[in-house]
Amino acid sequence: MTWSVGQLRGQPPCARAGHTANWFRDKIIVFGGGDGNNIFNDIYIIEAESLMCQQLGRSHIQGVAPAARYGPRQHPFLLHLHHHRLVAG
């Protein structure tokens, strides 16, 4: 194993804590968290190989957005692999 620092490209999320980050296929999905002043309910997709980042806007998401969340105990995160559903509690 080798540690290295990569440079995120595109639209990276702001620095934050209390978020979830999950690996799904070749992507890292970041949800929620906070920056000390704000709590977020945003979703970012990071391509694992290229480190290209994209914030998912409302046009990419169906249903009612969850309230802003901070801390893994406040928002467990589950991906249903067969139906490509994101469930954030």
C-alpha atoms as a PDB file:
ATOM      1  CA  MET A   1       0.000   0.000   0.000  1.00  0.00           C
ATOM      2  CA  THR A   2       1.246   3.468  -0.856  1.00  0.00           C
ATOM      3  CA  TRP A   3      -0.168   6.765   0.418  1.00  0.00           C
ATOM      4  CA  SER A   4      -0.194   9.628  -2.027  1.00  0.00           C
ATOM      5  CA  VAL A   5      -1.843  13.030  -2.270  1.00  0.00           C
ATOM      6  CA  GLY A   6      -3.964  13.636  -5.340  1.00  0.00           C
ATOM      7  CA  GLN A   7      -5.326  16.888  -6.713  1.00  0.00           C
ATOM      8  CA  LEU A   8      -9.118  16.936  -7.027  1.00  0.00           C
ATOM      9  CA  ARG A   9     -10.358  18.409 -10.291  1.00  0.00           C
ATOM     10  CA  GLY A  10     -13.669  19.846 -11.444  1.00  0.00           C
ATOM     11  CA  GLN A  11     -16.084  20.900  -8.663  1.00  0.00           C
ATOM     12  CA  PRO A  12     -14.645  19.439  -5.430  1.00  0.00           C
ATOM     13  CA  PRO A  13     -16.659  19.707  -2.220  1.00  0.00           C
ATOM     14  CA  CYS A  14     -15.559  22.315   0.313  1.00  0.00           C
ATOM     15  CA  ALA A  15     -13.543  21.182   3.309  1.00  0.00           C
ATOM     16  CA  ARG A  16     -15.921  19.429   5.698  1.00  0.00           C
ATOM     17  CA  ALA A  17     -16.323  17.013   8.580  1.00  0.00           C
ATOM     18  CA  GLY A  18     -19.173  14.758   9.649  1.00  0.00           C
ATOM     19  CA  HIS A  19     -19.915  13.600   6.086  1.00  0.00           C
ATOM     20  CA  THR A  20     -20.180  10.117   4.647  1.00  0.00           C
ATOM     21  CA  ALA A  21     -17.974   8.910   1.812  1.00  0.00           C
ATOM     22  CA  ASN A  22     -18.747   5.597   0.134  1.00  0.00           C
ATOM     23  CA  TRP A  23     -17.041   3.698  -2.671  1.00  0.00           C
ATOM     24  CA  PHE A  24     -19.434   2.553  -5.427  1.00  0.00           C
ATOM     25  CA  ARG A  25     -17.913   0.866  -8.463  1.00  0.00           C
ATOM     26  CA  ASP A  26     -15.278   3.390  -9.640  1.00  0.00           C
ATOM     27  CA  LYS A  27     -16.729   6.378  -7.791  1.00  0.00           C
ATOM     28  CA  ILE A  28     -16.621   7.895  -4.316  1.00  0.00           C
ATOM     29  CA  ILE A  29     -19.931   9.407  -3.216  1.00  0.00           C
ATOM     30  CA  VAL A  30     -19.766  12.157  -0.583  1.00  0.00           C
ATOM     31  CA  PHE A  31     -22.955  13.189   1.214  1.00  0.00           C
ATOM     32  CA  GLY A  32     -23.656  15.883   3.792  1.00  0.00           C
ATOM     33  CA  GLY A  33     -21.391  17.015   6.595  1.00  0.00           C
ATOM     34  CA  GLY A  34     -20.541  20.514   7.696  1.00  0.00           C
ATOM     35  CA  ASP A  35     -17.835  23.167   7.610  1.00  0.00           C
ATOM     36  CA  GLY A  36     -18.247  24.593  11.122  1.00  0.00           C
ATOM     37  CA  ASN A  37     -20.746  27.231   9.987  1.00  0.00           C
ATOM     38  CA  ASN A  38     -23.083  25.284   7.695  1.00  0.00           C
ATOM     39  CA  ILE A  39     -24.552  21.783   7.542  1.00  0.00           C
ATOM     40  CA  PHE A  40     -25.009  20.339   4.046  1.00  0.00           C
ATOM     41  CA  ASN A  41     -27.320  17.914   2.268  1.00  0.00           C
ATOM     42  CA  ASP A  42     -25.331  17.973  -0.968  1.00  0.00           C
ATOM     43  CA  ILE A  43     -23.971  15.035  -2.943  1.00  0.00           C
ATOM     44  CA  TYR A  44     -20.638  14.939  -4.765  1.00  0.00           C
ATOM     45  CA  ILE A  45     -19.382  12.229  -7.091  1.00  0.00           C
ATOM     46  CA  ILE A  46     -15.605  11.781  -7.316  1.00  0.00           C
ATOM     47  CA  GLU A  47     -14.201   9.591 -10.095  1.00  0.00           C
ATOM     48  CA  ALA A  48     -11.679   7.416  -8.245  1.00  0.00           C
ATOM     49  CA  GLU A  49      -9.151   7.128 -11.088  1.00  0.00           C
ATOM     50  CA  SER A  50      -9.144  10.684 -12.471  1.00  0.00           C
ATOM     51  CA  LEU A  51     -10.184  12.495  -9.233  1.00  0.00           C
ATOM     52  CA  MET A  52     -12.720  14.485 -11.285  1.00  0.00           C
ATOM     53  CA  CYS A  53     -15.465  15.854  -8.998  1.00  0.00           C
ATOM     54  CA  GLN A  54     -19.032  16.810  -9.785  1.00  0.00           C
ATOM     55  CA  GLN A  55     -21.775  18.076  -7.512  1.00  0.00           C
ATOM     56  CA  LEU A  56     -25.079  16.390  -8.288  1.00  0.00           C
ATOM     57  CA  GLY A  57     -27.719  19.022  -8.851  1.00  0.00           C
ATOM     58  CA  ARG A  58     -31.461  18.641  -8.406  1.00  0.00           C
ATOM     59  CA  SER A  59     -31.841  17.694 -12.086  1.00  0.00           C
ATOM     60  CA  HIS A  60     -29.914  14.460 -11.357  1.00  0.00           C
ATOM     61  CA  ILE A  61     -31.865  13.497  -8.245  1.00  0.00           C
ATOM     62  CA  GLN A  62     -35.449  12.320  -7.897  1.00  0.00           C
ATOM     63  CA  GLY A  63     -37.614  12.595  -4.813  1.00  0.00           C
ATOM     64  CA  VAL A  64     -37.499  14.851  -1.791  1.00  0.00           C
ATOM     65  CA  ALA A  65     -33.995  15.775  -0.631  1.00  0.00           C
ATOM     66  CA  PRO A  66     -33.162  14.811   2.955  1.00  0.00           C
ATOM     67  CA  ALA A  67     -32.492  17.513   5.514  1.00  0.00           C
ATOM     68  CA  ALA A  68     -28.900  18.612   5.985  1.00  0.00           C
ATOM     69  CA  ARG A  69     -26.911  16.079   8.048  1.00  0.00           C
ATOM     70  CA  TYR A  70     -23.741  16.129  10.141  1.00  0.00           C
ATOM     71  CA  GLY A  71     -22.013  13.109  11.674  1.00  0.00           C
ATOM     72  CA  PRO A  72     -22.232   9.428  10.732  1.00  0.00           C
ATOM     73  CA  ARG A  73     -24.549   8.651  13.647  1.00  0.00           C
ATOM     74  CA  GLN A  74     -27.026  11.198  12.302  1.00  0.00           C
ATOM     75  CA  HIS A  75     -27.000   9.922   8.723  1.00  0.00           C
ATOM     76  CA  PRO A  76     -26.065   6.343   7.969  1.00  0.00           C
ATOM     77  CA  PHE A  77     -25.611   5.904   4.247  1.00  0.00           C
ATOM     78  CA  LEU A  78     -26.608   2.859   2.193  1.00  0.00           C
ATOM     79  CA  LEU A  79     -26.311   2.112  -1.505  1.00  0.00           C
ATOM     80  CA  HIS A  80     -28.553  -0.568  -2.907  1.00  0.00           C
ATOM     81  CA  LEU A  81     -26.373  -2.094  -5.606  1.00  0.00           C
ATOM     82  CA  HIS A  82     -29.074  -3.706  -7.717  1.00  0.00           C
ATOM     83  CA  HIS A  83     -31.352  -0.687  -8.005  1.00  0.00           C
ATOM     84  CA  HIS A  84     -28.897   2.219  -7.722  1.00  0.00           C
ATOM     85  CA  ARG A  85     -30.771   3.764  -4.823  1.00  0.00           C
ATOM     86  CA  LEU A  86     -29.212   6.074  -2.293  1.00  0.00           C
ATOM     87  CA  VAL A  87     -30.721   5.904   1.174  1.00  0.00           C
ATOM     88  CA  ALA A  88     -29.594   8.428   3.747  1.00  0.00           C
ATOM     89  CA  GLY A  89     -31.145   8.096   7.201  1.00  0.00           C
END
